[in-house]
PDB file of N, CA and C in Angstrom:
ATOM      1  N   MET A   1      -2.078 -31.235  26.388  1.00  0.00           N
ATOM      2  CA  MET A   1      -1.076 -31.624  25.747  1.00  0.00           C
ATOM      3  C   MET A   1      -0.063 -32.336  26.593  1.00  0.00           C
ATOM      4  N   SER A   2       0.396 -33.683  26.304  1.00  0.00           N
ATOM      5  CA  SER A   2       1.205 -34.432  27.237  1.00  0.00           C
ATOM      6  C   SER A   2       2.766 -34.159  26.642  1.00  0.00           C
ATOM      7  N   ASP A   3       3.539 -34.724  27.412  1.00  0.00           N
ATOM      8  CA  ASP A   3       5.036 -34.589  27.313  1.00  0.00           C
ATOM      9  C   ASP A   3       5.376 -35.046  25.862  1.00  0.00           C
ATOM     10  N   THR A   4       4.962 -36.166  25.476  1.00  0.00           N
ATOM     11  CA  THR A   4       5.157 -36.644  24.209  1.00  0.00           C
ATOM     12  C   THR A   4       4.662 -35.884  23.166  1.00  0.00           C
ATOM     13  N   ASP A   5       3.533 -35.248  23.064  1.00  0.00           N
ATOM     14  CA  ASP A   5       3.023 -33.912  22.103  1.00  0.00           C
ATOM     15  C   ASP A   5       4.069 -32.968  21.997  1.00  0.00           C
ATOM     16  N   ASP A   6       4.652 -32.390  23.324  1.00  0.00           N
ATOM     17  CA  ASP A   6       5.451 -31.483  23.296  1.00  0.00           C
ATOM     18  C   ASP A   6       6.704 -31.879  22.658  1.00  0.00           C
ATOM     19  N   LYS A   7       7.435 -33.112  22.941  1.00  0.00           N
ATOM     20  CA  LYS A   7       8.449 -33.430  22.265  1.00  0.00           C
ATOM     21  C   LYS A   7       8.207 -33.488  20.611  1.00  0.00           C
ATOM     22  N   LEU A   8       7.043 -33.996  20.192  1.00  0.00           N
ATOM     23  CA  LEU A   8       6.837 -33.912  18.800  1.00  0.00           C
ATOM     24  C   LEU A   8       6.932 -32.636  18.207  1.00  0.00           C
ATOM     25  N   ASP A   9       6.207 -31.742  18.939  1.00  0.00           N
ATOM     26  CA  ASP A   9       6.098 -30.481  18.403  1.00  0.00           C
ATOM     27  C   ASP A   9       7.466 -29.680  18.451  1.00  0.00           C
ATOM     28  N   SER A  10       8.191 -30.031  19.258  1.00  0.00           N
ATOM     29  CA  SER A  10       9.646 -29.269  19.476  1.00  0.00           C
ATOM     30  C   SER A  10      10.714 -30.038  18.691  1.00  0.00           C
ATOM     31  N   HIS A  11      10.484 -31.069  17.702  1.00  0.00           N
ATOM     32  CA  HIS A  11      11.428 -31.916  17.101  1.00  0.00           C
ATOM     33  C   HIS A  11      12.349 -31.065  16.154  1.00  0.00           C
ATOM     34  N   GLU A  12      13.375 -31.143  16.431  1.00  0.00           N
ATOM     35  CA  GLU A  12      14.263 -30.130  15.569  1.00  0.00           C
ATOM     36  C   GLU A  12      14.630 -31.118  14.123  1.00  0.00           C
ATOM     37  N   ILE A  13      14.619 -30.614  13.108  1.00  0.00           N
ATOM     38  CA  ILE A  13      15.173 -31.127  11.781  1.00  0.00           C
ATOM     39  C   ILE A  13      16.464 -30.823  11.387  1.00  0.00           C
ATOM     40  N   ASP A  14      16.860 -32.027  10.800  1.00  0.00           N
ATOM     41  CA  ASP A  14      18.313 -31.823  10.382  1.00  0.00           C
ATOM     42  C   ASP A  14      18.415 -31.186   9.077  1.00  0.00           C
ATOM     43  N   CYS A  15      19.581 -30.918   8.708  1.00  0.00           N
ATOM     44  CA  CYS A  15      19.880 -30.337   7.213  1.00  0.00           C
ATOM     45  C   CYS A  15      19.271 -31.035   6.031  1.00  0.00           C
ATOM     46  N   LEU A  16      19.336 -32.394   6.051  1.00  0.00           N
ATOM     47  CA  LEU A  16      18.585 -32.955   5.083  1.00  0.00           C
ATOM     48  C   LEU A  16      17.171 -32.797   4.824  1.00  0.00           C
ATOM     49  N   GLU A  17      16.367 -32.699   6.237  1.00  0.00           N
ATOM     50  CA  GLU A  17      15.090 -32.538   6.184  1.00  0.00           C
ATOM     51  C   GLU A  17      14.684 -31.064   5.422  1.00  0.00           C
ATOM     52  N   ALA A  18      15.625 -30.178   6.157  1.00  0.00           N
ATOM     53  CA  ALA A  18      15.465 -28.579   5.762  1.00  0.00           C
ATOM     54  C   ALA A  18      15.402 -28.541   4.409  1.00  0.00           C
ATOM     55  N   ILE A  19      16.528 -28.909   3.836  1.00  0.00           N
ATOM     56  CA  ILE A  19      16.324 -28.919   2.364  1.00  0.00           C
ATOM     57  C   ILE A  19      15.495 -29.400   1.449  1.00  0.00           C
ATOM     58  N   GLY A  20      15.189 -30.556   2.112  1.00  0.00           N
ATOM     59  CA  GLY A  20      14.102 -31.286   1.569  1.00  0.00           C
ATOM     60  C   GLY A  20      12.815 -30.425   1.231  1.00  0.00           C
ATOM     61  N   GLN A  21      12.489 -29.523   2.467  1.00  0.00           N
ATOM     62  CA  GLN A  21      11.403 -28.886   2.488  1.00  0.00           C
ATOM     63  C   GLN A  21      11.550 -27.381   2.310  1.00  0.00           C
ATOM     64  N   LEU A  22      12.789 -26.904   2.050  1.00  0.00           N
ATOM     65  CA  LEU A  22      13.041 -25.563   1.549  1.00  0.00           C
ATOM     66  C   LEU A  22      12.207 -24.690   0.356  1.00  0.00           C
ATOM     67  N   TYR A  23      12.026 -25.613  -0.581  1.00  0.00           N
ATOM     68  CA  TYR A  23      11.430 -25.160  -1.709  1.00  0.00           C
ATOM     69  C   TYR A  23       9.972 -24.528  -1.357  1.00  0.00           C
ATOM     70  N   ALA A  24       9.091 -25.578  -0.581  1.00  0.00           N
ATOM     71  CA  ALA A  24       7.778 -25.751  -0.230  1.00  0.00           C
ATOM     72  C   ALA A  24       7.908 -24.424   0.837  1.00  0.00           C
ATOM     73  N   TYR A  25       8.782 -24.349   1.725  1.00  0.00           N
ATOM     74  CA  TYR A  25       8.889 -23.197   2.726  1.00  0.00           C
ATOM     75  C   TYR A  25       8.927 -21.809   2.081  1.00  0.00           C
ATOM     76  N   LEU A  26      10.053 -21.776   0.961  1.00  0.00           N
ATOM     77  CA  LEU A  26       9.953 -20.406   0.267  1.00  0.00           C
ATOM     78  C   LEU A  26       8.744 -20.253  -0.345  1.00  0.00           C
ATOM     79  N   ASP A  27       8.085 -21.017  -0.997  1.00  0.00           N
ATOM     80  CA  ASP A  27       7.157 -20.864  -1.732  1.00  0.00           C
ATOM     81  C   ASP A  27       5.783 -20.659  -1.117  1.00  0.00           C
ATOM     82  N   GLY A  28       5.796 -20.754   0.338  1.00  0.00           N
ATOM     83  CA  GLY A  28       4.692 -20.414   1.265  1.00  0.00           C
ATOM     84  C   GLY A  28       3.834 -21.793   1.369  1.00  0.00           C
ATOM     85  N   GLU A  29       4.322 -22.931   1.004  1.00  0.00           N
ATOM     86  CA  GLU A  29       3.447 -24.168   0.882  1.00  0.00           C
ATOM     87  C   GLU A  29       3.262 -24.748   2.037  1.00  0.00           C
ATOM     88  N   ILE A  30       4.090 -24.577   3.112  1.00  0.00           N
ATOM     89  CA  ILE A  30       3.902 -25.196   4.408  1.00  0.00           C
ATOM     90  C   ILE A  30       2.726 -24.503   5.380  1.00  0.00           C
ATOM     91  N   ASN A  31       1.573 -25.317   5.351  1.00  0.00           N
ATOM     92  CA  ASN A  31       0.637 -24.544   6.177  1.00  0.00           C
ATOM     93  C   ASN A  31       0.695 -25.120   7.551  1.00  0.00           C
ATOM     94  N   ASP A  32       1.204 -26.224   7.831  1.00  0.00           N
ATOM     95  CA  ASP A  32       1.227 -26.701   9.398  1.00  0.00           C
ATOM     96  C   ASP A  32       2.228 -25.917  10.099  1.00  0.00           C
ATOM     97  N   LYS A  33       1.796 -25.232  11.076  1.00  0.00           N
ATOM     98  CA  LYS A  33       2.253 -24.199  11.901  1.00  0.00           C
ATOM     99  C   LYS A  33       3.597 -25.045  12.450  1.00  0.00           C
ATOM    100  N   ALA A  34       3.441 -26.330  12.971  1.00  0.00           N
ATOM    101  CA  ALA A  34       4.630 -26.572  13.650  1.00  0.00           C
ATOM    102  C   ALA A  34       5.849 -27.010  12.855  1.00  0.00           C
ATOM    103  N   LYS A  35       5.464 -27.663  11.508  1.00  0.00           N
ATOM    104  CA  LYS A  35       6.431 -27.724  10.394  1.00  0.00           C
ATOM    105  C   LYS A  35       7.149 -26.332  10.168  1.00  0.00           C
ATOM    106  N   LYS A  36       6.469 -25.450   9.801  1.00  0.00           N
ATOM    107  CA  LYS A  36       6.935 -23.970   9.416  1.00  0.00           C
ATOM    108  C   LYS A  36       7.763 -23.477  10.683  1.00  0.00           C
ATOM    109  N   ALA A  37       7.408 -23.706  11.938  1.00  0.00           N
ATOM    110  CA  ALA A  37       8.326 -23.261  13.190  1.00  0.00           C
ATOM    111  C   ALA A  37       9.432 -24.061  13.075  1.00  0.00           C
ATOM    112  N   GLN A  38       9.627 -25.475  12.970  1.00  0.00           N
ATOM    113  CA  GLN A  38      10.749 -26.304  12.636  1.00  0.00           C
ATOM    114  C   GLN A  38      11.897 -25.718  11.742  1.00  0.00           C
ATOM    115  N   MET A  39      11.194 -25.281  10.614  1.00  0.00           N
ATOM    116  CA  MET A  39      12.071 -24.822   9.421  1.00  0.00           C
ATOM    117  C   MET A  39      12.621 -23.544   9.880  1.00  0.00           C
ATOM    118  N   GLU A  40      11.813 -22.641  10.234  1.00  0.00           N
ATOM    119  CA  GLU A  40      12.202 -21.176  10.705  1.00  0.00           C
ATOM    120  C   GLU A  40      13.395 -21.401  11.710  1.00  0.00           C
ATOM    121  N   GLN A  41      13.145 -22.502  12.920  1.00  0.00           N
ATOM    122  CA  GLN A  41      14.269 -22.586  13.950  1.00  0.00           C
ATOM    123  C   GLN A  41      15.509 -23.086  13.250  1.00  0.00           C
ATOM    124  N   HIS A  42      15.262 -24.055  12.176  1.00  0.00           N
ATOM    125  CA  HIS A  42      16.587 -24.489  11.697  1.00  0.00           C
ATOM    126  C   HIS A  42      17.319 -23.602  11.034  1.00  0.00           C
ATOM    127  N   LEU A  43      16.823 -22.601  10.074  1.00  0.00           N
ATOM    128  CA  LEU A  43      17.228 -21.796   9.513  1.00  0.00           C
ATOM    129  C   LEU A  43      17.794 -20.644  10.161  1.00  0.00           C
ATOM    130  N   ALA A  44      17.293 -20.344  11.493  1.00  0.00           N
ATOM    131  CA  ALA A  44      17.766 -19.399  12.420  1.00  0.00           C
ATOM    132  C   ALA A  44      19.138 -19.714  13.126  1.00  0.00           C
ATOM    133  N   HIS A  45      19.346 -21.168  13.229  1.00  0.00           N
ATOM    134  CA  HIS A  45      20.521 -21.706  13.748  1.00  0.00           C
ATOM    135  C   HIS A  45      21.504 -22.222  12.937  1.00  0.00           C
ATOM    136  N   CYS A  46      21.226 -22.504  11.474  1.00  0.00           N
ATOM    137  CA  CYS A  46      22.148 -23.278  10.634  1.00  0.00           C
ATOM    138  C   CYS A  46      22.439 -22.468   9.503  1.00  0.00           C
ATOM    139  N   LYS A  47      23.803 -21.984   9.663  1.00  0.00           N
ATOM    140  CA  LYS A  47      24.356 -21.032   8.775  1.00  0.00           C
ATOM    141  C   LYS A  47      24.337 -21.510   7.432  1.00  0.00           C
ATOM    142  N   SER A  48      24.567 -22.730   7.173  1.00  0.00           N
ATOM    143  CA  SER A  48      24.668 -23.442   5.781  1.00  0.00           C
ATOM    144  C   SER A  48      23.187 -23.259   5.187  1.00  0.00           C
ATOM    145  N   CYS A  49      22.141 -23.810   5.855  1.00  0.00           N
ATOM    146  CA  CYS A  49      20.898 -23.858   5.373  1.00  0.00           C
ATOM    147  C   CYS A  49      20.283 -22.430   5.005  1.00  0.00           C
ATOM    148  N   TYR A  50      20.475 -21.678   6.025  1.00  0.00           N
ATOM    149  CA  TYR A  50      20.139 -20.150   5.868  1.00  0.00           C
ATOM    150  C   TYR A  50      20.938 -19.702   4.642  1.00  0.00           C
ATOM    151  N   SER A  51      22.125 -19.854   4.423  1.00  0.00           N
ATOM    152  CA  SER A  51      22.916 -19.171   3.211  1.00  0.00           C
ATOM    153  C   SER A  51      21.989 -19.740   2.032  1.00  0.00           C
ATOM    154  N   ARG A  52      21.769 -21.080   1.866  1.00  0.00           N
ATOM    155  CA  ARG A  52      21.012 -21.570   0.872  1.00  0.00           C
ATOM    156  C   ARG A  52      19.782 -21.094   0.536  1.00  0.00           C
ATOM    157  N   SER A  53      19.090 -20.724   1.817  1.00  0.00           N
ATOM    158  CA  SER A  53      17.557 -20.344   1.449  1.00  0.00           C
ATOM    159  C   SER A  53      17.840 -18.923   0.789  1.00  0.00           C
ATOM    160  N   GLN A  54      18.625 -18.325   1.430  1.00  0.00           N
ATOM    161  CA  GLN A  54      19.085 -16.868   0.780  1.00  0.00           C
ATOM    162  C   GLN A  54      19.401 -16.840  -0.865  1.00  0.00           C
ATOM    163  N   MET A  55      20.261 -17.909  -0.819  1.00  0.00           N
ATOM    164  CA  MET A  55      20.645 -17.920  -2.483  1.00  0.00           C
ATOM    165  C   MET A  55      19.388 -18.083  -3.173  1.00  0.00           C
ATOM    166  N   GLU A  56      18.473 -19.074  -2.983  1.00  0.00           N
ATOM    167  CA  GLU A  56      17.306 -19.402  -3.630  1.00  0.00           C
ATOM    168  C   GLU A  56      16.345 -18.264  -3.782  1.00  0.00           C
ATOM    169  N   MET A  57      16.182 -17.724  -2.437  1.00  0.00           N
ATOM    170  CA  MET A  57      15.453 -16.647  -2.750  1.00  0.00           C
ATOM    171  C   MET A  57      15.801 -15.432  -3.862  1.00  0.00           C
ATOM    172  N   ALA A  58      17.022 -15.414  -3.788  1.00  0.00           N
ATOM    173  CA  ALA A  58      17.755 -14.302  -4.774  1.00  0.00           C
ATOM    174  C   ALA A  58      17.387 -14.734  -6.164  1.00  0.00           C
ATOM    175  N   ILE A  59      17.749 -15.988  -6.172  1.00  0.00           N
ATOM    176  CA  ILE A  59      17.554 -16.761  -7.747  1.00  0.00           C
ATOM    177  C   ILE A  59      15.957 -16.380  -8.132  1.00  0.00           C
ATOM    178  N   ASN A  60      15.373 -17.063  -7.218  1.00  0.00           N
ATOM    179  CA  ASN A  60      13.689 -16.620  -7.666  1.00  0.00           C
ATOM    180  C   ASN A  60      13.271 -15.427  -7.952  1.00  0.00           C
ATOM    181  N   LYS A  61      14.061 -14.246  -7.308  1.00  0.00           N
ATOM    182  CA  LYS A  61      13.673 -12.914  -7.382  1.00  0.00           C
ATOM    183  C   LYS A  61      14.178 -12.529  -8.816  1.00  0.00           C
ATOM    184  N   ARG A  62      15.199 -13.090  -9.129  1.00  0.00           N
ATOM    185  CA  ARG A  62      16.142 -12.792 -10.308  1.00  0.00           C
ATOM    186  C   ARG A  62      15.193 -13.165 -11.530  1.00  0.00           C
ATOM    187  N   LEU A  63      14.689 -14.354 -11.416  1.00  0.00           N
ATOM    188  CA  LEU A  63      13.770 -15.131 -12.381  1.00  0.00           C
ATOM    189  C   LEU A  63      12.479 -14.259 -12.599  1.00  0.00           C
ATOM    190  N   GLU A  64      11.923 -13.728 -11.484  1.00  0.00           N
ATOM    191  CA  GLU A  64      10.747 -13.121 -11.727  1.00  0.00           C
ATOM    192  C   GLU A  64      11.006 -11.848 -12.205  1.00  0.00           C
ATOM    193  N   ILE A  65      12.144 -11.047 -11.995  1.00  0.00           N
ATOM    194  CA  ILE A  65      12.453  -9.805 -12.834  1.00  0.00           C
ATOM    195  C   ILE A  65      12.564 -10.284 -14.253  1.00  0.00           C
ATOM    196  N   MET A  66      13.422 -11.307 -14.535  1.00  0.00           N
ATOM    197  CA  MET A  66      13.660 -11.651 -16.094  1.00  0.00           C
ATOM    198  C   MET A  66      12.234 -12.095 -16.688  1.00  0.00           C
ATOM    199  N   ASN A  67      11.295 -12.521 -16.115  1.00  0.00           N
ATOM    200  CA  ASN A  67       9.963 -12.963 -16.525  1.00  0.00           C
ATOM    201  C   ASN A  67       9.265 -11.678 -17.113  1.00  0.00           C
ATOM    202  N   LYS A  68       9.700 -10.571 -16.358  1.00  0.00           N
ATOM    203  CA  LYS A  68       8.818  -9.309 -16.606  1.00  0.00           C
ATOM    204  C   LYS A  68       9.112  -8.617 -17.654  1.00  0.00           C
ATOM    205  N   THR A  69      10.518  -8.866 -18.108  1.00  0.00           N
ATOM    206  CA  THR A  69      11.123  -8.216 -19.212  1.00  0.00           C
ATOM    207  C   THR A  69      10.991  -8.796 -20.429  1.00  0.00           C
ATOM    208  N   ASP A  70      11.293  -8.179 -21.569  1.00  0.00           N
ATOM    209  CA  ASP A  70      11.298  -8.656 -22.784  1.00  0.00           C
ATOM    210  C   ASP A  70      12.676  -9.260 -23.132  1.00  0.00           C
ATOM    211  N   ARG A  71      12.528 -10.603 -23.765  1.00  0.00           N
ATOM    212  CA  ARG A  71      13.905 -10.895 -23.982  1.00  0.00           C
ATOM    213  C   ARG A  71      14.023 -11.190 -25.486  1.00  0.00           C
ATOM    214  N   PRO A  72      14.984 -11.060 -26.070  1.00  0.00           N
ATOM    215  CA  PRO A  72      15.029 -11.141 -27.535  1.00  0.00           C
ATOM    216  C   PRO A  72      14.768 -12.443 -27.877  1.00  0.00           C
ATOM    217  N   GLU A  73      14.120 -12.689 -29.085  1.00  0.00           N
ATOM    218  CA  GLU A  73      13.757 -14.185 -29.418  1.00  0.00           C
ATOM    219  C   GLU A  73      15.065 -14.979 -29.859  1.00  0.00           C
ATOM    220  N   THR A  74      16.352 -14.283 -30.239  1.00  0.00           N
ATOM    221  CA  THR A  74      17.379 -15.100 -30.243  1.00  0.00           C
ATOM    222  C   THR A  74      17.896 -15.722 -28.882  1.00  0.00           C
ATOM    223  N   LEU A  75      17.676 -15.114 -28.065  1.00  0.00           N
ATOM    224  CA  LEU A  75      18.019 -15.368 -26.551  1.00  0.00           C
ATOM    225  C   LEU A  75      16.981 -16.724 -26.281  1.00  0.00           C
ATOM    226  N   GLN A  76      15.663 -16.494 -26.370  1.00  0.00           N
ATOM    227  CA  GLN A  76      14.782 -17.423 -26.204  1.00  0.00           C
ATOM    228  C   GLN A  76      14.995 -18.738 -26.967  1.00  0.00           C
ATOM    229  N   GLU A  77      15.670 -18.568 -28.010  1.00  0.00           N
ATOM    230  CA  GLU A  77      15.739 -19.805 -29.024  1.00  0.00           C
ATOM    231  C   GLU A  77      16.890 -20.531 -28.567  1.00  0.00           C
ATOM    232  N   LYS A  78      17.963 -19.813 -28.182  1.00  0.00           N
ATOM    233  CA  LYS A  78      19.256 -20.483 -27.486  1.00  0.00           C
ATOM    234  C   LYS A  78      18.901 -21.113 -26.415  1.00  0.00           C
ATOM    235  N   LEU A  79      18.061 -20.509 -25.427  1.00  0.00           N
ATOM    236  CA  LEU A  79      17.643 -21.281 -24.157  1.00  0.00           C
ATOM    237  C   LEU A  79      16.862 -22.574 -24.614  1.00  0.00           C
ATOM    238  N   ARG A  80      15.972 -22.687 -25.536  1.00  0.00           N
ATOM    239  CA  ARG A  80      15.137 -23.611 -25.975  1.00  0.00           C
ATOM    240  C   ARG A  80      16.094 -24.737 -26.459  1.00  0.00           C
ATOM    241  N   ASN A  81      17.085 -24.484 -27.156  1.00  0.00           N
ATOM    242  CA  ASN A  81      18.143 -25.354 -27.779  1.00  0.00           C
ATOM    243  C   ASN A  81      18.997 -25.995 -26.559  1.00  0.00           C
ATOM    244  N   VAL A  82      19.417 -25.291 -25.584  1.00  0.00           N
ATOM    245  CA  VAL A  82      19.993 -25.769 -24.643  1.00  0.00           C
ATOM    246  C   VAL A  82      19.221 -26.701 -23.507  1.00  0.00           C
ATOM    247  N   ILE A  83      18.034 -26.281 -23.580  1.00  0.00           N
ATOM    248  CA  ILE A  83      17.167 -27.250 -22.829  1.00  0.00           C
ATOM    249  C   ILE A  83      16.756 -28.421 -23.397  1.00  0.00           C
ATOM    250  N   ASP A  84      16.503 -28.558 -24.831  1.00  0.00           N
ATOM    251  CA  ASP A  84      16.207 -29.597 -25.565  1.00  0.00           C
ATOM    252  C   ASP A  84      17.432 -30.529 -25.343  1.00  0.00           C
ATOM    253  N   LYS A  85      18.661 -30.045 -25.384  1.00  0.00           N
ATOM    254  CA  LYS A  85      19.816 -31.196 -25.547  1.00  0.00           C
ATOM    255  C   LYS A  85      19.879 -31.606 -23.967  1.00  0.00           C
ATOM    256  N   LEU A  86      19.372 -31.055 -22.937  1.00  0.00           N
ATOM    257  CA  LEU A  86      19.310 -31.859 -21.774  1.00  0.00           C
ATOM    258  C   LEU A  86      18.591 -32.930 -21.731  1.00  0.00           C
TER     259      LEU A  86
END
């Protein structure tokens, strides 16, 4: 591997790139080891992006729990109405 290859592999991503890849990262959709490592390095050093990732994980966990429980039909109808108005 050349010095150029090393530089490409160690490319640090900025917050805009990290947020753009956040959902794919959290969903386990990033298969490229170098990209995954870049994301992990950024989250390890950026408090703002790390906090955002933790919030997104908490939301996802809460949504999973909600999907496993029965919701009253009236609540489902209210949610449909809100979504339809968007």
